[in-house]
Structure formats: structure tokens, C-alpha cells
Protein backbone atom coordinates (compact mmCIF):
# COMPACT_ATOMS: atom_id res chain seq x y z
CA MET A 1 38.52 105.97 124.39
CA ARG A 2 41.67 104.13 123.95
CA THR A 3 45.11 105.52 124.86
CA LEU A 4 48.26 104.09 123.52
CA PHE A 5 51.51 104.93 125.14
CA VAL A 6 54.72 104.01 123.46
CA ILE A 7 57.89 104.31 125.35
CA ILE A 8 61.06 104.09 123.40
CA SER A 9 64.34 103.85 125.15
CA ILE A 10 67.53 103.91 123.28
CA PHE A 11 70.62 103.01 125.09
CA THR A 12 73.85 103.67 123.38
CA LEU A 13 76.94 102.14 124.71
CA ALA A 14 79.83 104.35 123.78
CA SER A 15 83.32 103.88 124.89
CA CYS A 16 84.92 106.78 126.65
CA LYS A 17 88.33 105.38 125.91
CA LYS A 18 90.37 107.27 123.33
CA GLU A 19 93.00 105.67 121.21
CA PRO A 20 96.45 106.53 122.50
CA ALA A 21 98.22 109.26 120.56
CA ALA A 22 100.76 108.15 118.01
CA PRO A 23 104.36 108.66 119.12
CA LEU A 24 105.73 112.05 118.11
CA PRO A 25 107.80 112.06 114.93
CA ILE A 26 111.47 112.97 115.03
CA ALA A 27 112.88 113.92 111.63
CA ASN A 28 116.46 113.02 110.68
CA PHE A 29 118.35 111.83 107.62
CA PHE A 30 121.74 110.63 106.42
CA VAL A 31 123.47 111.97 103.30
CA GLU A 32 125.60 109.75 101.06
CA ASN A 33 127.98 111.20 98.45
CA ALA A 34 127.90 114.74 99.80
CA PHE A 35 130.84 116.88 98.66
CA CYS A 36 130.74 115.24 95.23
CA THR A 37 131.88 116.97 92.04
CA SER A 38 129.01 118.20 89.87
CA PRO A 39 127.14 116.96 88.06
CA CYS A 40 126.53 114.21 90.60
CA TYR A 41 123.82 112.27 92.40
CA VAL A 42 123.49 112.57 96.15
CA LYS A 43 121.53 109.94 98.09
CA PHE A 44 119.35 110.73 101.10
CA TYR A 45 118.29 108.11 103.64
CA ASP A 46 115.52 108.67 106.16
CA GLN A 47 116.54 108.06 109.77
CA SER A 48 113.38 109.50 111.31
CA TYR A 49 111.39 107.95 114.12
CA ASN A 50 107.63 107.32 114.00
CA ALA A 51 107.20 108.68 110.46
CA VAL A 52 104.53 107.47 108.04
CA GLU A 53 104.84 110.27 105.43
CA TRP A 54 107.89 112.04 104.03
CA LYS A 55 108.50 115.23 102.04
CA TRP A 56 111.99 116.06 100.81
CA TYR A 57 113.10 119.50 99.60
CA PHE A 58 116.47 119.04 97.92
CA GLY A 59 117.37 122.72 97.46
CA ASN A 60 117.65 122.28 93.68
CA SER A 61 113.92 122.97 93.08
CA LEU A 62 113.09 119.24 93.23
CA THR A 63 111.03 117.46 95.89
CA SER A 64 110.08 113.87 96.70
CA HIS A 65 107.61 111.93 98.84
CA LYS A 66 109.71 108.76 99.00
CA GLU A 67 111.17 107.51 102.25
CA ASN A 68 114.67 107.40 100.72
CA ASP A 69 115.64 109.11 97.48
CA SER A 70 118.42 110.70 95.47
CA THR A 71 118.69 113.73 93.24
CA LEU A 72 121.06 115.15 90.65
CA PHE A 73 122.94 118.35 91.41
CA HIS A 74 124.06 119.99 88.17
CA THR A 75 126.10 122.90 89.50
CA PRO A 76 128.52 123.47 92.38
CA GLY A 77 127.24 125.23 95.44
CA PHE A 78 125.68 124.98 98.84
CA TYR A 79 122.23 123.37 99.00
CA ASP A 80 119.82 123.41 101.93
CA VAL A 81 118.11 120.02 102.06
CA SER A 82 115.03 119.59 104.26
CA LEU A 83 112.98 116.59 105.30
CA SER A 84 109.49 116.99 106.74
CA VAL A 85 107.87 113.90 108.26
CA LYS A 86 104.41 113.21 109.62
CA ASN A 87 103.24 110.60 112.14
CA ALA A 88 99.97 108.65 112.04
CA ASP A 89 98.12 111.50 113.81
CA GLY A 90 99.32 114.09 111.30
CA VAL A 91 101.87 115.71 113.62
CA ARG A 92 104.89 117.03 111.70
CA ASP A 93 108.57 117.47 112.41
CA SER A 94 111.30 118.66 110.09
CA VAL A 95 115.06 118.96 109.85
CA SER A 96 117.37 120.80 107.45
CA LYS A 97 121.00 120.17 106.58
CA GLN A 98 123.30 121.97 104.22
CA ILE A 99 125.37 120.04 101.70
CA GLN A 100 128.10 121.27 99.40
CA VAL A 101 128.59 120.13 95.83
CA TYR A 102 131.92 120.96 94.11
């Protein structure tokens, strides 16, 4: 009678260290050519911190995913413009500003 014993040991070295969290995003933007006379283009410049993704809501039913963009406002009025940004970890922040077109 022959007995065969096989012992298998698996050692896994796993790091307990986590990657540090990405810095929190802070949404902000600058508006150029606000208070223009319609029809007119208004330019929007991102001034956010720690952002890697952008989503603009221009208040005229148009949106954009560009870091900086512009849009045409056809009619006079007040428009609520929002920018939502995301950091590398997917954390979001947003800011809204109202512009007036004459």
C-alpha cells in the first residue's frame, strides 16, 4: 500500500495599501460676452480644480462635454448655465450661474 500526500501551499502577496483618493473636484467657470445682444455667442471657460470630465448645461436646451465651449443664444432673456465636473474617482461637483442676454 502506497500513500501519496500532496501538500500545496499558495502564498499570495497582496498589498494592503490603497491608492490615495483623487483630490475633490471644485466646479467653477468664467463667462465671456455675457450681457450681449441676441443673437450672440457666449463663451464659457472652465476654472474648476481637479476635474477630468465636464458637462455643460447652457440653459438654451444645448449641452457640451468640452472643457471650454461657447453657444449661441437666439433670444433675449435670463439663462441658467450649469457646469458639472467629475474627478478621477468619479466624484462630482457642480456650479450654476445666471447670465442675461439682451
